[in-house]
Each structure stands twice: as C-alpha cells, then as structure tokens.
Amino acid sequence: MKIVGIILSILGGLGLIIFGLQAMEDSESFSLLGMDIAVSTANWTPVIVSGVILVVGLIMSARK
C-alpha cells in the first residue's frame, strides 16, 4: 500500500505541475477603461483531479 501511495503522490504532483501551468497559460486579457482584465478560459478539472490523487497518495503512503 505504501508503494502505491508513493506512486500516486508522484503522479498527482506531476499532474498538478503540468496541468496547473497549462491552465495558467490559458487566459485571455482585454483592456477596459484603461485596466487590463484577464479571464481564465482553462479547464480546471484535470488540476482538481490531480490534487485529489496527490492527497489520496499522501494518505496511503502515511499509513502504517
């Protein structure tokens, strides 16, 4: 169980990094009354799923 938890933690962390960077880059900005406004057009579902996998992996690897 501990090895599976470590693997899930690694995969979840990598997913958070990769999908998080991709989601941050998927934004559009426009100017309104002299201010730049950024609107996110990203799909945040993979980031949330990666975070859940990371937490589950950490819980599984912490158990004795």
C-alpha atoms as a PDB file:
ATOM      1  CA  MET A   1       0.000   0.000   0.000  1.00  0.00           C
ATOM      2  CA  LYS A   2       2.825   2.356   0.840  1.00  0.00           C
ATOM      3  CA  ILE A   3       4.461   1.940  -2.585  1.00  0.00           C
ATOM      4  CA  VAL A   4       1.143   2.567  -4.353  1.00  0.00           C
ATOM      5  CA  GLY A   5       0.677   5.694  -2.233  1.00  0.00           C
ATOM      6  CA  ILE A   6       4.118   6.992  -3.188  1.00  0.00           C
ATOM      7  CA  ILE A   7       3.437   6.358  -6.881  1.00  0.00           C
ATOM      8  CA  LEU A   8       0.071   8.135  -6.653  1.00  0.00           C
ATOM      9  CA  SER A   9       1.707  11.057  -4.855  1.00  0.00           C
ATOM     10  CA  ILE A  10       4.325  11.421  -7.571  1.00  0.00           C
ATOM     11  CA  LEU A  11       1.764  11.194 -10.365  1.00  0.00           C
ATOM     12  CA  GLY A  12      -0.559  13.643  -8.615  1.00  0.00           C
ATOM     13  CA  GLY A  13       2.266  16.130  -8.068  1.00  0.00           C
ATOM     14  CA  LEU A  14       3.384  15.913 -11.683  1.00  0.00           C
ATOM     15  CA  GLY A  15      -0.212  16.335 -12.834  1.00  0.00           C
ATOM     16  CA  LEU A  16      -0.629  19.413 -10.662  1.00  0.00           C
ATOM     17  CA  ILE A  17       2.506  20.968 -12.114  1.00  0.00           C
ATOM     18  CA  ILE A  18       1.778  20.162 -15.752  1.00  0.00           C
ATOM     19  CA  PHE A  19      -1.953  20.880 -15.772  1.00  0.00           C
ATOM     20  CA  GLY A  20      -1.567  23.860 -13.448  1.00  0.00           C
ATOM     21  CA  LEU A  21       0.950  25.547 -15.738  1.00  0.00           C
ATOM     22  CA  GLN A  22      -1.229  24.790 -18.748  1.00  0.00           C
ATOM     23  CA  ALA A  23      -4.303  26.221 -17.011  1.00  0.00           C
ATOM     24  CA  MET A  24      -2.466  29.403 -16.041  1.00  0.00           C
ATOM     25  CA  GLU A  25      -1.375  29.938 -19.636  1.00  0.00           C
ATOM     26  CA  ASP A  26      -4.935  29.548 -20.945  1.00  0.00           C
ATOM     27  CA  SER A  27      -6.149  33.032 -20.167  1.00  0.00           C
ATOM     28  CA  GLU A  28      -7.270  35.922 -22.293  1.00  0.00           C
ATOM     29  CA  SER A  29      -6.827  39.558 -21.392  1.00  0.00           C
ATOM     30  CA  PHE A  30      -8.563  42.677 -22.617  1.00  0.00           C
ATOM     31  CA  SER A  31      -8.482  46.340 -21.759  1.00  0.00           C
ATOM     32  CA  LEU A  32     -11.477  48.014 -20.155  1.00  0.00           C
ATOM     33  CA  LEU A  33     -11.363  51.665 -19.098  1.00  0.00           C
ATOM     34  CA  GLY A  34      -7.569  51.616 -19.128  1.00  0.00           C
ATOM     35  CA  MET A  35      -7.260  48.459 -16.991  1.00  0.00           C
ATOM     36  CA  ASP A  36      -6.083  45.081 -18.239  1.00  0.00           C
ATOM     37  CA  ILE A  37      -8.537  42.355 -17.239  1.00  0.00           C
ATOM     38  CA  ALA A  38      -7.587  38.672 -17.529  1.00  0.00           C
ATOM     39  CA  VAL A  39     -10.226  35.984 -17.943  1.00  0.00           C
ATOM     40  CA  SER A  40      -9.336  32.335 -17.480  1.00  0.00           C
ATOM     41  CA  THR A  41     -10.553  30.012 -20.224  1.00  0.00           C
ATOM     42  CA  ALA A  42      -8.864  26.953 -18.764  1.00  0.00           C
ATOM     43  CA  ASN A  43     -10.406  23.631 -17.886  1.00  0.00           C
ATOM     44  CA  TRP A  44      -9.629  23.224 -14.173  1.00  0.00           C
ATOM     45  CA  THR A  45     -10.945  19.645 -13.897  1.00  0.00           C
ATOM     46  CA  PRO A  46      -7.543  17.946 -14.516  1.00  0.00           C
ATOM     47  CA  VAL A  47      -5.953  20.164 -11.860  1.00  0.00           C
ATOM     48  CA  ILE A  48      -8.607  19.216  -9.302  1.00  0.00           C
ATOM     49  CA  VAL A  49      -8.335  15.500 -10.142  1.00  0.00           C
ATOM     50  CA  SER A  50      -4.535  15.660  -9.845  1.00  0.00           C
ATOM     51  CA  GLY A  51      -4.872  17.334  -6.455  1.00  0.00           C
ATOM     52  CA  VAL A  52      -7.240  14.614  -5.242  1.00  0.00           C
ATOM     53  CA  ILE A  53      -4.855  11.903  -6.464  1.00  0.00           C
ATOM     54  CA  LEU A  54      -1.981  13.639  -4.662  1.00  0.00           C
ATOM     55  CA  VAL A  55      -3.926  13.781  -1.380  1.00  0.00           C
ATOM     56  CA  VAL A  56      -5.030  10.141  -1.662  1.00  0.00           C
ATOM     57  CA  GLY A  57      -1.443   9.115  -2.379  1.00  0.00           C
ATOM     58  CA  LEU A  58      -0.157  11.043   0.630  1.00  0.00           C
ATOM     59  CA  ILE A  59      -2.772   9.435   2.882  1.00  0.00           C
ATOM     60  CA  MET A  60      -1.955   5.960   1.575  1.00  0.00           C
ATOM     61  CA  SER A  61       1.793   6.423   1.966  1.00  0.00           C
ATOM     62  CA  ALA A  62       1.438   7.791   5.519  1.00  0.00           C
ATOM     63  CA  ARG A  63      -0.471   4.759   6.789  1.00  0.00           C
ATOM     64  CA  LYS A  64       1.480   2.099   8.610  1.00  0.00           C
END
